[in-house]
Amino acid sequence: MKLLVAAVPVELVAFPEEIPGFDRVVTGPGKLKATYALTRALERGQYDEIVVVGTSGTVDPGLHGGVHEIAAAVQHDVWDGEHVVGQHVTLPARVETGREGIVVATGDHFVDTAAGVDTVRSLGGSLIDMETYAYIWVAQQYDVPIRVVRCVSDDADEGAFASWDEAAAACSAVLWDWFRAEFAI
């Protein structure tokens, strides 16, 4: 059995409620909710793979459209005791999925300023979200393979939050097409 994960219901709006071979969990937005909900799901069931689908902002104009596989995640909203951005006091600076792909910068707020974009780029991120780092870290704690794919919903600029709901619904359809092809459903 595989576990299908998304942060918010709109990211799964194009998906049917029941998918053979998959359980599903909607975690809620942000790192803390993602950590809690995925941990609870993994405590309750045995899964041979976690498949995360969802939206992300981008700091790379070349990444619009389609589905993007995530190779690794960093955190753009933490710093260590020396005030080094992206370095957590106790967690690794970078977590990896074991797949080829791009880097997403995870944080608990929308990046919608030039300074925020600069921070994400300085950490090697091309996409931005609010959960991927947590999902990968939890999967590693349970030794369950994880696959994360993202569809770009917005540019990380002043309009990111205003247009997100409509863009997320459109991304859900793109993600469902990818999912059906990938898992022969």
N, C-alpha and C. Protein backbone atom coordinates (compact mmCIF):
# COMPACT_ATOMS: atom_id res chain seq x y z
N MET A 1 0.85 -1.18 0.00
CA MET A 1 0.00 0.00 0.00
C MET A 1 0.89 1.24 0.00
N LYS A 2 0.46 2.23 -0.78
CA LYS A 2 1.15 3.50 -0.84
C LYS A 2 0.29 4.55 -0.14
N LEU A 3 0.94 5.64 0.27
CA LEU A 3 0.24 6.73 0.93
C LEU A 3 0.33 7.98 0.07
N LEU A 4 -0.82 8.49 -0.36
CA LEU A 4 -0.91 9.73 -1.12
C LEU A 4 -1.07 10.87 -0.13
N VAL A 5 -0.22 11.88 -0.25
CA VAL A 5 -0.20 12.98 0.71
C VAL A 5 -0.32 14.31 -0.03
N ALA A 6 -1.13 15.20 0.52
CA ALA A 6 -1.20 16.60 0.07
C ALA A 6 -1.39 17.46 1.30
N ALA A 7 -1.06 18.73 1.17
CA ALA A 7 -1.19 19.63 2.31
C ALA A 7 -2.61 20.13 2.51
N VAL A 8 -3.27 20.47 1.41
CA VAL A 8 -4.61 21.06 1.51
C VAL A 8 -5.55 20.38 0.51
N PRO A 9 -6.85 20.34 0.81
CA PRO A 9 -7.80 19.63 -0.05
C PRO A 9 -7.80 20.07 -1.51
N VAL A 10 -7.61 21.35 -1.79
CA VAL A 10 -7.68 21.82 -3.18
C VAL A 10 -6.60 21.16 -4.05
N GLU A 11 -5.50 20.73 -3.42
CA GLU A 11 -4.44 20.07 -4.20
C GLU A 11 -4.87 18.69 -4.69
N LEU A 12 -5.94 18.15 -4.13
CA LEU A 12 -6.46 16.84 -4.54
C LEU A 12 -7.85 16.94 -5.18
N VAL A 13 -8.29 18.13 -5.50
CA VAL A 13 -9.65 18.31 -6.01
C VAL A 13 -9.90 17.54 -7.31
N ALA A 14 -8.90 17.33 -8.14
CA ALA A 14 -9.06 16.59 -9.40
C ALA A 14 -8.91 15.08 -9.20
N PHE A 15 -8.51 14.64 -8.03
CA PHE A 15 -8.28 13.23 -7.74
C PHE A 15 -9.57 12.59 -7.26
N PRO A 16 -9.83 11.33 -7.64
CA PRO A 16 -11.00 10.64 -7.07
C PRO A 16 -10.77 10.36 -5.58
N GLU A 17 -11.85 10.21 -4.85
CA GLU A 17 -11.76 9.94 -3.41
C GLU A 17 -11.03 8.62 -3.13
N GLU A 18 -11.33 7.59 -3.92
CA GLU A 18 -10.73 6.27 -3.73
C GLU A 18 -9.80 5.97 -4.90
N ILE A 19 -8.57 5.58 -4.59
CA ILE A 19 -7.61 5.17 -5.61
C ILE A 19 -7.06 3.81 -5.18
N PRO A 20 -7.26 2.78 -6.00
CA PRO A 20 -6.79 1.44 -5.61
C PRO A 20 -5.29 1.45 -5.29
N GLY A 21 -4.95 0.82 -4.16
CA GLY A 21 -3.55 0.70 -3.76
C GLY A 21 -3.02 1.90 -2.98
N PHE A 22 -3.88 2.90 -2.74
CA PHE A 22 -3.45 4.12 -2.04
C PHE A 22 -4.39 4.46 -0.90
N ASP A 23 -3.81 4.79 0.24
CA ASP A 23 -4.52 5.53 1.27
C ASP A 23 -4.17 7.00 1.04
N ARG A 24 -4.89 7.89 1.68
CA ARG A 24 -4.57 9.31 1.50
C ARG A 24 -4.65 10.04 2.83
N VAL A 25 -3.86 11.10 2.90
CA VAL A 25 -3.90 11.99 4.05
C VAL A 25 -3.70 13.43 3.56
N VAL A 26 -4.52 14.33 4.10
CA VAL A 26 -4.36 15.76 3.88
C VAL A 26 -3.85 16.30 5.21
N THR A 27 -2.66 16.86 5.20
CA THR A 27 -1.97 17.19 6.45
C THR A 27 -2.31 18.54 7.03
N GLY A 28 -2.73 19.47 6.19
CA GLY A 28 -2.82 20.86 6.62
C GLY A 28 -1.53 21.55 6.22
N PRO A 29 -1.58 22.87 6.08
CA PRO A 29 -0.40 23.60 5.61
C PRO A 29 0.63 23.85 6.70
N GLY A 30 1.88 23.90 6.30
CA GLY A 30 2.97 24.24 7.21
C GLY A 30 3.72 23.02 7.72
N LYS A 31 4.93 23.28 8.19
CA LYS A 31 5.82 22.19 8.62
C LYS A 31 5.30 21.44 9.84
N LEU A 32 4.75 22.13 10.81
CA LEU A 32 4.29 21.45 12.02
C LEU A 32 3.11 20.54 11.74
N LYS A 33 2.11 21.04 11.01
CA LYS A 33 0.96 20.19 10.67
C LYS A 33 1.39 19.03 9.77
N ALA A 34 2.30 19.28 8.84
CA ALA A 34 2.79 18.22 7.96
C ALA A 34 3.48 17.13 8.76
N THR A 35 4.32 17.52 9.69
CA THR A 35 5.03 16.56 10.52
C THR A 35 4.06 15.73 11.35
N TYR A 36 3.13 16.40 11.99
CA TYR A 36 2.17 15.70 12.86
C TYR A 36 1.31 14.72 12.08
N ALA A 37 0.70 15.18 10.99
CA ALA A 37 -0.23 14.33 10.25
C ALA A 37 0.48 13.16 9.57
N LEU A 38 1.64 13.39 9.01
CA LEU A 38 2.36 12.28 8.36
C LEU A 38 2.85 11.28 9.41
N THR A 39 3.32 11.75 10.54
CA THR A 39 3.73 10.85 11.61
C THR A 39 2.55 9.99 12.06
N ARG A 40 1.40 10.59 12.27
CA ARG A 40 0.22 9.81 12.68
C ARG A 40 -0.14 8.76 11.63
N ALA A 41 -0.10 9.15 10.36
CA ALA A 41 -0.44 8.19 9.29
C ALA A 41 0.54 7.02 9.29
N LEU A 42 1.82 7.31 9.47
CA LEU A 42 2.82 6.24 9.45
C LEU A 42 2.75 5.37 10.71
N GLU A 43 2.27 5.92 11.80
CA GLU A 43 2.07 5.12 13.01
C GLU A 43 0.89 4.17 12.87
N ARG A 44 -0.09 4.56 12.05
CA ARG A 44 -1.32 3.78 11.91
C ARG A 44 -1.26 2.74 10.80
N GLY A 45 -0.38 2.90 9.83
CA GLY A 45 -0.38 1.98 8.69
C GLY A 45 1.02 1.64 8.23
N GLN A 46 1.10 0.58 7.45
CA GLN A 46 2.37 0.15 6.84
C GLN A 46 2.34 0.56 5.38
N TYR A 47 3.31 1.35 4.95
CA TYR A 47 3.36 1.84 3.58
C TYR A 47 4.71 1.54 2.97
N ASP A 48 4.67 1.12 1.69
CA ASP A 48 5.93 0.87 1.00
C ASP A 48 6.43 2.11 0.26
N GLU A 49 5.59 3.15 0.18
CA GLU A 49 6.04 4.41 -0.43
C GLU A 49 5.05 5.52 -0.07
N ILE A 50 5.61 6.71 0.08
CA ILE A 50 4.82 7.92 0.27
C ILE A 50 4.93 8.71 -1.03
N VAL A 51 3.78 9.15 -1.55
CA VAL A 51 3.75 9.97 -2.76
C VAL A 51 3.08 11.30 -2.40
N VAL A 52 3.86 12.36 -2.44
CA VAL A 52 3.36 13.69 -2.10
C VAL A 52 3.11 14.46 -3.39
N VAL A 53 1.92 15.03 -3.50
CA VAL A 53 1.60 15.91 -4.63
C VAL A 53 1.17 17.26 -4.07
N GLY A 54 1.45 18.30 -4.82
CA GLY A 54 1.02 19.61 -4.37
C GLY A 54 1.59 20.73 -5.20
N THR A 55 1.37 21.92 -4.68
CA THR A 55 1.75 23.14 -5.38
C THR A 55 3.01 23.74 -4.78
N SER A 56 3.62 24.62 -5.55
CA SER A 56 4.76 25.38 -5.04
C SER A 56 4.86 26.68 -5.82
N GLY A 57 5.51 27.63 -5.18
CA GLY A 57 5.90 28.84 -5.88
C GLY A 57 7.25 28.61 -6.53
N THR A 58 7.64 29.50 -7.41
CA THR A 58 8.94 29.36 -8.06
C THR A 58 9.72 30.66 -8.01
N VAL A 59 11.03 30.52 -7.95
CA VAL A 59 11.93 31.65 -8.11
C VAL A 59 12.68 31.53 -9.43
N ASP A 60 12.30 30.53 -10.22
CA ASP A 60 12.93 30.26 -11.51
C ASP A 60 11.86 30.30 -12.59
N PRO A 61 11.85 31.37 -13.41
CA PRO A 61 10.80 31.49 -14.44
C PRO A 61 10.77 30.33 -15.43
N GLY A 62 11.82 29.56 -15.54
CA GLY A 62 11.87 28.42 -16.45
C GLY A 62 11.14 27.20 -15.93
N LEU A 63 10.60 27.26 -14.72
CA LEU A 63 9.96 26.09 -14.13
C LEU A 63 8.44 26.14 -14.14
N HIS A 64 7.85 27.00 -14.92
CA HIS A 64 6.39 27.03 -15.00
C HIS A 64 5.88 25.83 -15.77
N GLY A 65 4.68 25.40 -15.43
CA GLY A 65 4.03 24.31 -16.15
C GLY A 65 4.57 22.95 -15.79
N GLY A 66 3.72 21.97 -15.92
CA GLY A 66 4.14 20.60 -15.72
C GLY A 66 4.38 20.23 -14.27
N VAL A 67 4.91 19.05 -14.10
CA VAL A 67 5.17 18.48 -12.79
C VAL A 67 6.68 18.41 -12.59
N HIS A 68 7.13 18.79 -11.41
CA HIS A 68 8.56 18.82 -11.11
C HIS A 68 8.86 17.87 -9.96
N GLU A 69 9.76 16.93 -10.22
CA GLU A 69 10.20 15.98 -9.20
C GLU A 69 11.16 16.69 -8.25
N ILE A 70 11.01 16.42 -6.96
CA ILE A 70 11.86 17.04 -5.94
C ILE A 70 12.95 16.06 -5.53
N ALA A 71 14.19 16.54 -5.57
CA ALA A 71 15.34 15.75 -5.13
C ALA A 71 15.68 16.02 -3.68
N ALA A 72 15.50 17.27 -3.25
CA ALA A 72 15.90 17.65 -1.90
C ALA A 72 15.12 18.86 -1.43
N ALA A 73 15.15 19.06 -0.11
CA ALA A 73 14.50 20.22 0.49
C ALA A 73 15.45 20.86 1.50
N VAL A 74 15.37 22.19 1.57
CA VAL A 74 16.06 22.99 2.57
C VAL A 74 15.00 23.85 3.26
N GLN A 75 15.38 24.47 4.36
CA GLN A 75 14.45 25.36 5.06
C GLN A 75 14.91 26.80 4.90
N HIS A 76 14.02 27.65 4.41
CA HIS A 76 14.39 29.05 4.20
C HIS A 76 14.05 29.95 5.38
N ASP A 77 13.41 29.40 6.40
CA ASP A 77 12.96 30.23 7.51
C ASP A 77 13.56 29.83 8.85
N VAL A 78 14.74 29.21 8.83
CA VAL A 78 15.43 28.85 10.07
C VAL A 78 16.86 29.39 10.02
N TRP A 79 17.47 29.46 11.19
CA TRP A 79 18.89 29.81 11.28
C TRP A 79 19.43 29.18 12.55
N ASP A 80 20.72 28.98 12.57
CA ASP A 80 21.35 28.32 13.71
C ASP A 80 21.82 29.36 14.73
N GLY A 81 22.57 28.90 15.72
CA GLY A 81 23.06 29.78 16.77
C GLY A 81 24.02 30.85 16.28
N GLU A 82 24.56 30.65 15.11
CA GLU A 82 25.47 31.64 14.51
C GLU A 82 24.74 32.54 13.53
N HIS A 83 23.42 32.39 13.45
CA HIS A 83 22.55 33.16 12.55
C HIS A 83 22.80 32.86 11.08
N VAL A 84 23.17 31.62 10.78
CA VAL A 84 23.34 31.19 9.40
C VAL A 84 21.98 30.72 8.90
N VAL A 85 21.41 31.43 7.92
CA VAL A 85 20.11 31.11 7.37
C VAL A 85 20.17 29.75 6.68
N GLY A 86 19.13 28.94 6.89
CA GLY A 86 19.05 27.62 6.28
C GLY A 86 19.67 26.53 7.13
N GLN A 87 20.35 26.90 8.18
CA GLN A 87 20.97 25.93 9.09
C GLN A 87 20.11 25.87 10.35
N HIS A 88 19.57 24.71 10.64
CA HIS A 88 18.76 24.52 11.85
C HIS A 88 19.69 24.15 13.00
N VAL A 89 19.27 24.41 14.19
CA VAL A 89 20.09 24.09 15.36
C VAL A 89 20.30 22.59 15.49
N THR A 90 19.26 21.77 15.23
CA THR A 90 19.40 20.32 15.44
C THR A 90 19.06 19.46 14.22
N LEU A 91 18.47 20.02 13.19
CA LEU A 91 18.08 19.23 12.02
C LEU A 91 19.09 19.42 10.89
N PRO A 92 19.15 18.46 9.95
CA PRO A 92 20.07 18.64 8.83
C PRO A 92 19.68 19.84 7.96
N ALA A 93 20.66 20.46 7.36
CA ALA A 93 20.41 21.61 6.49
C ALA A 93 19.63 21.20 5.25
N ARG A 94 19.81 19.97 4.82
CA ARG A 94 19.20 19.49 3.58
C ARG A 94 18.75 18.05 3.78
N VAL A 95 17.54 17.73 3.31
CA VAL A 95 17.07 16.35 3.31
C VAL A 95 16.80 15.95 1.87
N GLU A 96 17.02 14.68 1.54
CA GLU A 96 16.95 14.23 0.16
C GLU A 96 15.96 13.09 -0.01
N THR A 97 15.35 13.05 -1.20
CA THR A 97 14.39 11.99 -1.52
C THR A 97 15.06 10.76 -2.11
N GLY A 98 16.28 10.92 -2.63
CA GLY A 98 16.95 9.82 -3.33
C GLY A 98 16.59 9.78 -4.80
N ARG A 99 15.91 10.78 -5.29
CA ARG A 99 15.51 10.85 -6.70
C ARG A 99 16.19 12.03 -7.36
N GLU A 100 16.22 11.98 -8.69
CA GLU A 100 16.71 13.12 -9.46
C GLU A 100 15.64 14.20 -9.45
N GLY A 101 16.05 15.44 -9.46
CA GLY A 101 15.07 16.51 -9.50
C GLY A 101 15.66 17.82 -9.03
N ILE A 102 14.80 18.66 -8.52
CA ILE A 102 15.22 20.00 -8.12
C ILE A 102 15.06 20.18 -6.61
N VAL A 103 15.54 21.30 -6.12
CA VAL A 103 15.51 21.60 -4.69
C VAL A 103 14.34 22.55 -4.40
N VAL A 104 13.60 22.22 -3.35
CA VAL A 104 12.53 23.08 -2.87
C VAL A 104 12.95 23.66 -1.54
N ALA A 105 12.65 24.93 -1.34
CA ALA A 105 12.90 25.60 -0.07
C ALA A 105 11.57 25.65 0.70
N THR A 106 11.57 25.07 1.88
CA THR A 106 10.36 24.97 2.70
C THR A 106 10.41 26.00 3.82
N GLY A 107 9.26 26.60 4.07
CA GLY A 107 9.14 27.54 5.19
C GLY A 107 7.68 27.76 5.52
N ASP A 108 7.43 28.29 6.69
CA ASP A 108 6.05 28.46 7.15
C ASP A 108 5.42 29.78 6.75
N HIS A 109 5.92 30.40 5.73
CA HIS A 109 5.27 31.60 5.22
C HIS A 109 5.45 31.69 3.71
N PHE A 110 4.52 32.39 3.08
CA PHE A 110 4.63 32.63 1.64
C PHE A 110 5.83 33.52 1.38
N VAL A 111 6.60 33.19 0.37
CA VAL A 111 7.68 34.07 -0.06
C VAL A 111 7.10 34.96 -1.15
N ASP A 112 7.05 36.24 -0.87
CA ASP A 112 6.45 37.17 -1.82
C ASP A 112 7.20 38.51 -1.87
N THR A 113 8.49 38.47 -1.52
CA THR A 113 9.32 39.67 -1.58
C THR A 113 10.64 39.34 -2.27
N ALA A 114 11.31 40.36 -2.75
CA ALA A 114 12.62 40.17 -3.40
C ALA A 114 13.63 39.60 -2.40
N ALA A 115 13.58 40.05 -1.16
CA ALA A 115 14.51 39.52 -0.15
C ALA A 115 14.27 38.04 0.09
N GLY A 116 13.00 37.64 0.15
CA GLY A 116 12.68 36.22 0.33
C GLY A 116 13.16 35.38 -0.84
N VAL A 117 12.97 35.88 -2.05
CA VAL A 117 13.45 35.19 -3.25
C VAL A 117 14.96 35.04 -3.21
N ASP A 118 15.66 36.09 -2.81
CA ASP A 118 17.12 36.04 -2.72
C ASP A 118 17.58 34.99 -1.72
N THR A 119 16.87 34.89 -0.58
CA THR A 119 17.21 33.87 0.42
C THR A 119 17.05 32.47 -0.15
N VAL A 120 15.92 32.23 -0.82
CA VAL A 120 15.68 30.91 -1.42
C VAL A 120 16.76 30.57 -2.43
N ARG A 121 17.08 31.50 -3.29
CA ARG A 121 18.13 31.26 -4.29
C ARG A 121 19.48 30.99 -3.63
N SER A 122 19.79 31.72 -2.57
CA SER A 122 21.08 31.53 -1.90
C SER A 122 21.21 30.15 -1.28
N LEU A 123 20.09 29.52 -0.98
CA LEU A 123 20.08 28.18 -0.42
C LEU A 123 20.02 27.09 -1.50
N GLY A 124 20.00 27.50 -2.76
CA GLY A 124 19.96 26.54 -3.87
C GLY A 124 18.56 26.11 -4.26
N GLY A 125 17.54 26.78 -3.73
CA GLY A 125 16.16 26.42 -4.05
C GLY A 125 15.69 27.02 -5.35
N SER A 126 14.86 26.26 -6.05
CA SER A 126 14.20 26.74 -7.27
C SER A 126 12.70 26.88 -7.05
N LEU A 127 12.16 26.04 -6.16
CA LEU A 127 10.74 26.07 -5.81
C LEU A 127 10.61 26.38 -4.32
N ILE A 128 9.40 26.79 -3.94
CA ILE A 128 9.13 27.14 -2.54
C ILE A 128 7.81 26.50 -2.13
N ASP A 129 7.79 25.91 -0.94
CA ASP A 129 6.54 25.40 -0.39
C ASP A 129 6.58 25.49 1.13
N MET A 130 5.58 24.88 1.76
CA MET A 130 5.48 24.99 3.21
C MET A 130 5.57 23.64 3.94
N GLU A 131 5.79 22.52 3.21
CA GLU A 131 5.74 21.21 3.86
C GLU A 131 6.84 20.22 3.47
N THR A 132 7.43 20.32 2.30
CA THR A 132 8.26 19.23 1.78
C THR A 132 9.39 18.83 2.71
N TYR A 133 10.10 19.78 3.30
CA TYR A 133 11.18 19.42 4.22
C TYR A 133 10.64 18.49 5.31
N ALA A 134 9.51 18.83 5.89
CA ALA A 134 8.93 18.03 6.96
C ALA A 134 8.56 16.63 6.47
N TYR A 135 7.93 16.55 5.30
CA TYR A 135 7.54 15.24 4.77
C TYR A 135 8.77 14.34 4.58
N ILE A 136 9.81 14.87 3.98
CA ILE A 136 11.00 14.06 3.73
C ILE A 136 11.64 13.64 5.04
N TRP A 137 11.75 14.57 5.98
CA TRP A 137 12.39 14.26 7.26
C TRP A 137 11.62 13.16 7.99
N VAL A 138 10.29 13.25 8.04
CA VAL A 138 9.48 12.23 8.71
C VAL A 138 9.63 10.88 7.99
N ALA A 139 9.57 10.87 6.67
CA ALA A 139 9.74 9.62 5.92
C ALA A 139 11.07 8.96 6.25
N GLN A 140 12.11 9.75 6.38
CA GLN A 140 13.42 9.20 6.74
C GLN A 140 13.41 8.58 8.13
N GLN A 141 12.69 9.20 9.07
CA GLN A 141 12.63 8.66 10.43
C GLN A 141 11.97 7.29 10.45
N TYR A 142 11.04 7.05 9.53
CA TYR A 142 10.32 5.78 9.45
C TYR A 142 10.89 4.86 8.37
N ASP A 143 11.94 5.30 7.71
CA ASP A 143 12.60 4.51 6.67
C ASP A 143 11.62 4.09 5.57
N VAL A 144 10.77 5.03 5.15
CA VAL A 144 9.82 4.79 4.07
C VAL A 144 10.23 5.64 2.87
N PRO A 145 10.40 5.05 1.70
CA PRO A 145 10.74 5.85 0.52
C PRO A 145 9.68 6.92 0.26
N ILE A 146 10.13 8.06 -0.20
CA ILE A 146 9.21 9.17 -0.46
C ILE A 146 9.49 9.76 -1.83
N ARG A 147 8.43 10.12 -2.47
CA ARG A 147 8.50 10.79 -3.76
C ARG A 147 7.65 12.06 -3.65
N VAL A 148 8.22 13.19 -4.02
CA VAL A 148 7.51 14.46 -3.94
C VAL A 148 7.50 15.09 -5.32
N VAL A 149 6.30 15.46 -5.78
CA VAL A 149 6.18 16.17 -7.04
C VAL A 149 5.37 17.44 -6.80
N ARG A 150 5.78 18.48 -7.49
CA ARG A 150 5.14 19.78 -7.32
C ARG A 150 4.77 20.37 -8.68
N CYS A 151 3.67 21.09 -8.68
CA CYS A 151 3.23 21.87 -9.84
C CYS A 151 3.31 23.33 -9.43
N VAL A 152 3.87 24.16 -10.27
CA VAL A 152 4.04 25.58 -9.94
C VAL A 152 2.70 26.30 -10.00
N SER A 153 2.35 26.90 -8.87
CA SER A 153 1.09 27.63 -8.77
C SER A 153 1.28 29.14 -8.89
N ASP A 154 2.50 29.62 -8.65
CA ASP A 154 2.71 31.06 -8.62
C ASP A 154 4.19 31.40 -8.67
N ASP A 155 4.46 32.64 -9.02
CA ASP A 155 5.79 33.20 -8.86
C ASP A 155 5.88 33.71 -7.43
N ALA A 156 7.04 33.66 -6.86
CA ALA A 156 7.22 34.18 -5.50
C ALA A 156 7.32 35.69 -5.58
N ASP A 157 6.17 36.33 -5.71
CA ASP A 157 6.14 37.79 -5.78
C ASP A 157 4.91 38.31 -5.06
N GLU A 158 4.66 39.59 -5.17
CA GLU A 158 3.58 40.23 -4.42
C GLU A 158 2.21 39.62 -4.70
N GLY A 159 1.98 39.02 -5.85
CA GLY A 159 0.67 38.46 -6.19
C GLY A 159 0.51 37.00 -5.84
N ALA A 160 1.50 36.38 -5.23
CA ALA A 160 1.48 34.94 -5.00
C ALA A 160 0.28 34.49 -4.20
N PHE A 161 0.00 35.13 -3.10
CA PHE A 161 -1.07 34.68 -2.23
C PHE A 161 -2.45 34.93 -2.84
N ALA A 162 -2.60 36.04 -3.53
CA ALA A 162 -3.91 36.43 -4.07
C ALA A 162 -4.44 35.45 -5.10
N SER A 163 -3.59 34.88 -5.91
CA SER A 163 -4.04 34.01 -7.00
C SER A 163 -3.89 32.52 -6.70
N TRP A 164 -3.50 32.17 -5.49
CA TRP A 164 -3.14 30.79 -5.20
C TRP A 164 -4.30 29.81 -5.31
N ASP A 165 -5.46 30.11 -4.80
CA ASP A 165 -6.58 29.15 -4.81
C ASP A 165 -6.93 28.67 -6.22
N GLU A 166 -7.06 29.60 -7.14
CA GLU A 166 -7.40 29.22 -8.52
C GLU A 166 -6.27 28.42 -9.16
N ALA A 167 -5.05 28.86 -8.95
CA ALA A 167 -3.90 28.16 -9.52
C ALA A 167 -3.75 26.76 -8.93
N ALA A 168 -4.03 26.61 -7.65
CA ALA A 168 -3.91 25.30 -7.00
C ALA A 168 -4.90 24.31 -7.60
N ALA A 169 -6.11 24.74 -7.88
CA ALA A 169 -7.10 23.85 -8.50
C ALA A 169 -6.64 23.43 -9.90
N ALA A 170 -6.09 24.35 -10.65
CA ALA A 170 -5.56 24.01 -11.98
C ALA A 170 -4.39 23.04 -11.86
N CYS A 171 -3.54 23.25 -10.87
CA CYS A 171 -2.40 22.34 -10.65
C CYS A 171 -2.88 20.94 -10.29
N SER A 172 -3.98 20.83 -9.55
CA SER A 172 -4.50 19.52 -9.18
C SER A 172 -4.78 18.68 -10.41
N ALA A 173 -5.34 19.29 -11.45
CA ALA A 173 -5.64 18.56 -12.69
C ALA A 173 -4.35 18.10 -13.36
N VAL A 174 -3.33 18.93 -13.37
CA VAL A 174 -2.03 18.56 -13.94
C VAL A 174 -1.41 17.42 -13.14
N LEU A 175 -1.50 17.51 -11.83
CA LEU A 175 -0.95 16.46 -10.96
C LEU A 175 -1.71 15.14 -11.12
N TRP A 176 -3.03 15.20 -11.29
CA TRP A 176 -3.80 13.97 -11.50
C TRP A 176 -3.41 13.31 -12.81
N ASP A 177 -3.21 14.08 -13.87
CA ASP A 177 -2.75 13.51 -15.15
C ASP A 177 -1.41 12.81 -14.97
N TRP A 178 -0.48 13.44 -14.27
CA TRP A 178 0.82 12.83 -14.01
C TRP A 178 0.65 11.55 -13.19
N PHE A 179 -0.15 11.61 -12.15
CA PHE A 179 -0.36 10.49 -11.25
C PHE A 179 -0.92 9.28 -11.98
N ARG A 180 -1.95 9.52 -12.80
CA ARG A 180 -2.56 8.41 -13.57
C ARG A 180 -1.54 7.76 -14.49
N ALA A 181 -0.74 8.57 -15.18
CA ALA A 181 0.27 8.03 -16.09
C ALA A 181 1.37 7.29 -15.31
N GLU A 182 1.80 7.87 -14.21
CA GLU A 182 2.90 7.31 -13.43
C GLU A 182 2.53 5.98 -12.78
N PHE A 183 1.31 5.86 -12.30
CA PHE A 183 0.89 4.68 -11.56
C PHE A 183 -0.11 3.81 -12.33
N ALA A 184 -0.24 4.07 -13.63
CA ALA A 184 -1.08 3.27 -14.53
C ALA A 184 -2.49 3.10 -13.97
N ILE A 185 -3.10 4.21 -13.64
CA ILE A 185 -4.46 4.18 -13.06
C ILE A 185 -5.44 4.65 -14.11
